[in-house]
Protein backbone atom coordinates (compact mmCIF):
# COMPACT_ATOMS: atom_id res chain seq x y z
CA MET A 1 150.08 -108.02 38.22
CA THR A 2 147.04 -109.07 40.20
CA LYS A 3 146.58 -110.59 43.62
CA THR A 4 143.16 -112.05 42.82
CA PRO A 5 144.15 -115.76 43.24
CA LYS A 6 145.70 -114.94 46.63
CA TYR A 7 142.59 -113.04 47.68
CA LYS A 8 140.33 -115.91 46.62
CA LYS A 9 142.18 -118.27 48.94
CA GLN A 10 141.99 -115.77 51.80
CA ILE A 11 138.28 -115.19 51.16
CA GLU A 12 137.50 -118.89 51.41
CA GLU A 13 139.63 -119.32 54.54
CA ASN A 14 137.98 -116.32 56.20
CA ARG A 15 134.52 -117.53 55.19
CA GLU A 16 135.19 -120.87 56.90
CA THR A 17 136.50 -119.10 60.01
CA ILE A 18 133.45 -116.83 60.27
CA THR A 19 131.07 -119.72 59.70
CA LYS A 20 132.67 -121.68 62.54
CA MET A 21 132.63 -118.67 64.85
CA LEU A 22 128.96 -118.00 64.19
CA SER A 23 127.86 -121.64 64.32
CA GLY A 24 128.47 -121.74 68.05
CA ALA A 25 127.94 -118.06 68.70
CA ASP A 26 125.51 -116.71 71.21
CA THR A 27 122.83 -114.17 70.36
CA VAL A 28 125.02 -111.23 71.39
CA LYS A 29 127.74 -112.12 68.90
CA ARG A 30 125.25 -112.56 66.09
CA LEU A 31 123.54 -109.25 66.82
CA ASN A 32 126.84 -107.42 67.12
CA ASN A 33 127.94 -108.85 63.79
CA LEU A 34 124.74 -107.88 61.98
CA ASN A 35 124.48 -104.46 63.60
CA TRP A 36 128.06 -103.57 62.75
CA VAL A 37 127.63 -104.41 59.05
CA ARG A 38 124.29 -102.63 58.94
CA HIS A 39 125.79 -99.51 60.52
CA GLU A 40 128.73 -99.46 58.12
CA ILE A 41 126.56 -99.94 55.02
CA SER A 42 123.85 -97.44 55.96
CA TYR A 43 125.92 -94.78 57.70
CA THR A 44 129.71 -94.91 57.27
CA GLU A 45 129.86 -96.19 53.68
CA PRO A 46 127.78 -93.50 51.94
CA ARG A 47 129.69 -90.77 53.76
CA THR A 48 132.98 -92.40 52.79
CA LEU A 49 132.15 -92.86 49.12
CA PHE A 50 129.89 -90.00 48.11
CA TYR A 51 129.77 -87.15 50.58
CA ILE A 52 130.81 -84.14 48.48
CA PRO A 53 129.60 -80.93 50.14
CA ASN A 54 129.62 -78.49 47.24
CA LYS A 55 127.05 -76.51 45.30
CA GLU A 56 127.11 -78.82 42.29
CA GLN A 57 126.14 -82.01 44.10
CA THR A 58 123.63 -82.26 46.90
CA PRO A 59 124.46 -85.37 48.97
CA TYR A 60 121.47 -87.55 49.84
CA LEU A 61 122.88 -88.47 53.22
CA ASP A 62 120.18 -87.20 55.53
CA TYR A 63 118.45 -89.34 58.13
CA ASN A 64 115.86 -90.51 55.59
CA SER A 65 118.53 -91.84 53.22
CA MET A 66 120.34 -93.57 56.06
CA LYS A 67 117.10 -95.23 57.15
CA ASN A 68 116.37 -96.32 53.58
CA LEU A 69 119.77 -97.97 53.28
CA GLY A 70 119.25 -99.75 56.59
CA ASP A 71 115.79 -100.95 55.59
CA ALA A 72 117.06 -102.25 52.25
CA TYR A 73 119.94 -104.05 53.98
CA ASP A 74 117.49 -105.67 56.42
CA TYR A 75 115.48 -106.85 53.43
CA ILE A 76 118.37 -108.65 51.73
CA VAL A 77 119.51 -110.21 55.01
CA ASN A 78 116.00 -111.49 55.75
CA ASN A 79 115.56 -112.95 52.24
CA PRO A 80 118.67 -115.06 51.62
CA LYS A 81 116.89 -117.49 49.32
CA GLN A 82 114.88 -115.03 47.24
CA ILE A 83 115.66 -115.20 43.52
CA ILE A 84 117.19 -111.89 42.50
CA ASP A 85 115.32 -110.88 39.37
CA MET A 86 114.42 -107.58 37.76
CA THR A 87 111.43 -107.12 40.05
CA GLU A 88 113.58 -107.54 43.16
CA ILE A 89 116.21 -105.11 41.89
CA CYS A 90 113.50 -102.53 41.25
CA LYS A 91 112.10 -103.19 44.74
CA LEU A 92 115.48 -102.45 46.30
CA HIS A 93 115.68 -99.23 44.33
CA SER A 94 112.21 -98.26 45.53
CA MET A 95 113.32 -98.77 49.13
CA LEU A 96 116.31 -96.51 48.60
CA CYS A 97 114.14 -93.81 47.03
CA ALA A 98 111.45 -93.74 49.72
CA GLY A 99 110.78 -90.15 50.74
CA THR A 100 113.03 -88.64 48.05
CA TYR A 101 112.20 -86.83 44.83
CA ILE A 102 113.24 -89.90 42.78
CA GLN A 103 110.40 -92.20 41.78
CA GLY A 104 111.70 -95.59 42.83
CA GLY A 105 111.67 -98.76 40.77
CA LEU A 106 111.19 -97.09 37.40
CA PHE A 107 113.80 -97.21 34.66
CA ARG A 108 115.11 -93.92 33.36
CA THR A 109 113.80 -92.54 30.08
CA SER A 110 116.51 -89.93 29.57
CA PRO A 111 120.18 -90.13 28.45
CA LYS A 112 122.76 -90.72 31.17
CA ILE A 113 126.45 -89.92 31.44
CA ILE A 114 128.54 -92.02 33.82
CA GLU A 115 131.15 -90.01 35.68
CA ILE A 116 134.14 -92.18 34.74
CA MET A 117 136.73 -91.64 32.04
CA VAL A 118 137.36 -94.12 29.24
CA ASN A 119 140.19 -93.17 26.88
CA GLY A 120 139.91 -89.60 28.05
CA HIS A 121 136.15 -89.33 27.57
CA ARG A 122 133.20 -89.47 29.94
CA VAL A 123 131.14 -92.60 29.38
CA HIS A 124 127.55 -92.51 28.16
CA ALA A 125 125.29 -95.23 29.55
CA PRO A 126 123.29 -97.25 27.00
CA ASP A 127 120.25 -95.53 25.54
CA ALA A 128 117.12 -95.90 27.68
CA ALA A 129 115.52 -98.02 24.96
CA TYR A 130 118.05 -100.79 25.67
CA ILE A 131 117.65 -100.92 29.45
CA LEU A 132 115.06 -103.69 29.56
CA ASN A 133 117.10 -106.01 27.36
CA LYS A 134 120.30 -105.20 29.22
CA MET A 135 118.62 -105.86 32.57
CA ASN A 136 117.46 -109.26 31.33
CA GLU A 137 121.05 -110.07 30.37
CA ILE A 138 122.34 -108.93 33.77
CA VAL A 139 119.79 -111.02 35.66
CA PHE A 140 120.56 -114.06 33.51
CA LYS A 141 124.29 -113.83 34.30
CA LEU A 142 123.57 -113.15 37.95
CA ASN A 143 121.62 -116.38 38.30
CA ASN A 144 123.97 -118.56 36.24
CA PRO A 145 124.94 -121.45 38.58
CA ASP A 146 127.90 -122.36 36.37
CA MET A 147 129.65 -119.07 37.13
CA CYS A 148 131.70 -118.41 40.27
CA ALA A 149 129.60 -116.67 42.93
CA LEU A 150 132.22 -113.97 43.52
CA LYS A 151 132.45 -113.26 39.82
CA ARG A 152 128.66 -112.99 39.62
CA ALA A 153 128.49 -110.66 42.61
CA PHE A 154 131.25 -108.33 41.43
CA GLY A 155 129.96 -108.56 37.87
CA VAL A 156 126.41 -107.46 38.66
CA HIS A 157 127.78 -104.52 40.64
CA TYR A 158 129.82 -103.32 37.66
CA ASP A 159 127.11 -104.03 35.08
CA LEU A 160 124.44 -102.08 36.96
CA ILE A 161 126.74 -99.10 37.41
CA MET A 162 127.61 -99.05 33.71
CA LEU A 163 123.97 -99.45 32.66
CA GLN A 164 122.62 -96.74 35.01
CA PRO A 165 119.07 -98.15 34.71
CA PHE A 166 117.56 -95.62 37.13
CA ASP A 167 117.61 -91.84 37.34
CA ASP A 168 119.60 -91.94 40.59
CA PHE A 169 120.83 -94.26 43.37
CA ASN A 170 122.31 -96.67 40.84
CA LYS A 171 125.56 -97.29 42.76
CA ARG A 172 123.71 -97.86 46.03
CA THR A 173 121.40 -100.33 44.32
CA ALA A 174 124.37 -102.06 42.66
CA ARG A 175 126.17 -102.51 45.98
CA LEU A 176 123.06 -103.94 47.64
CA VAL A 177 122.50 -106.43 44.81
CA MET A 178 126.16 -107.43 45.01
CA ASN A 179 125.94 -107.96 48.76
CA TRP A 180 122.69 -109.88 48.40
CA THR A 181 124.44 -112.23 45.97
CA LEU A 182 127.33 -112.67 48.42
CA ILE A 183 124.94 -113.42 51.29
CA GLN A 184 123.04 -115.97 49.22
CA ASN A 185 126.29 -117.81 48.51
CA GLY A 186 127.56 -118.00 52.08
CA TYR A 187 129.74 -114.89 52.11
CA ARG A 188 129.47 -111.69 54.14
CA PRO A 189 128.65 -108.30 52.61
CA ILE A 190 131.39 -105.90 51.57
CA VAL A 191 131.58 -102.53 53.30
CA PHE A 192 133.54 -99.60 51.89
CA ASN A 193 134.49 -97.73 55.04
CA GLN A 194 138.08 -96.63 54.52
CA ARG A 195 139.09 -93.12 53.44
CA THR A 196 141.04 -94.52 50.51
CA ASP A 197 137.95 -96.32 49.18
CA LYS A 198 136.46 -93.17 47.66
CA GLN A 199 139.25 -92.86 45.09
CA LYS A 200 140.09 -96.55 44.75
CA TYR A 201 136.43 -97.50 44.23
CA LYS A 202 136.18 -95.09 41.30
CA GLU A 203 139.57 -96.15 39.93
CA ALA A 204 138.61 -99.83 40.01
CA ILE A 205 135.40 -99.25 38.04
CA THR A 206 137.28 -97.02 35.58
CA ALA A 207 139.97 -99.68 35.14
CA CYS A 208 137.36 -102.29 34.26
CA ALA A 209 135.73 -99.92 31.77
CA ASN A 210 139.16 -99.37 30.20
CA GLY A 211 139.64 -103.09 29.61
CA ARG A 212 141.46 -103.99 32.83
CA PRO A 213 138.92 -106.16 34.68
CA LYS A 214 141.58 -107.91 36.79
CA GLU A 215 142.27 -104.63 38.60
CA TYR A 216 138.58 -104.25 39.36
CA PHE A 217 138.13 -107.82 40.61
CA SER A 218 141.33 -107.58 42.65
CA TYR A 219 140.12 -104.42 44.38
CA MET A 220 136.68 -105.86 45.13
CA SER A 221 138.27 -109.05 46.45
CA SER A 222 140.60 -107.07 48.70
CA CYS A 223 137.63 -105.15 50.14
CA LEU A 224 135.82 -108.42 50.88
CA VAL A 225 138.91 -109.80 52.65
CA ARG A 226 139.19 -106.61 54.68
CA THR A 227 135.53 -106.76 55.69
CA GLN A 228 135.86 -110.42 56.66
CA ARG A 229 138.83 -109.61 58.88
CA GLU A 230 136.93 -106.80 60.57
CA ILE A 231 134.03 -109.18 61.24
CA ILE A 232 136.39 -111.82 62.65
CA THR A 233 137.94 -109.22 64.97
CA LEU A 234 134.48 -108.08 66.03
CA LEU A 235 133.41 -111.64 66.84
CA GLN A 236 136.61 -112.31 68.75
CA ASN A 237 135.99 -109.25 70.89
CA SER A 238 132.31 -109.95 71.46
CA LYS A 239 131.46 -110.61 75.07
CA THR A 240 128.49 -112.40 76.52
CA LEU A 241 126.30 -110.16 78.64
């Protein structure tokens, strides 16, 4: 059983509420709104989703990575009408990789295993030779005006994660592209800032890979509703200096 239809109605109602609140908002409210989302995406979210302090995985959550996430977020906010094509996706990846050992914007040339389980087995991403064609397909779907904007946003997030086009920072790139799509269609970005998101985020992607896309879309929709509500609360509590 899915709550997706219910979430869709809530998303549209919240979008209208936020739009009205911001249409007559003063500069302080707008800045508070933008700064809060930026902080959550570049600081709280990566710690929530991927901070695993063990010897097997070195978390890229230093100041440089935080700054890169913030810079990339600023870019998508400042370019709401830019067509999201392969070049732009590679540009976002380059921003995320600045100052790291990963060469940004270049597709991987090696095999890749995705850390999710499908029918009891870890998933292998498509062979590197197929990345270019797969990316063209992803970009085509992303810019299809006949498809629901939410479906396109959540779809590109999933597709990029499953393709793993880059050597690293694929999930971060996927979330930015998703949020860029949401922004371009009048929605607010999604932030994953709850403790339960770490497990539920992985479970939602795994469910979709196992042929249960409704569970994935329901989870993503619920996160968008939650973020919208947090923004509404923030705007309600904003005070003019």
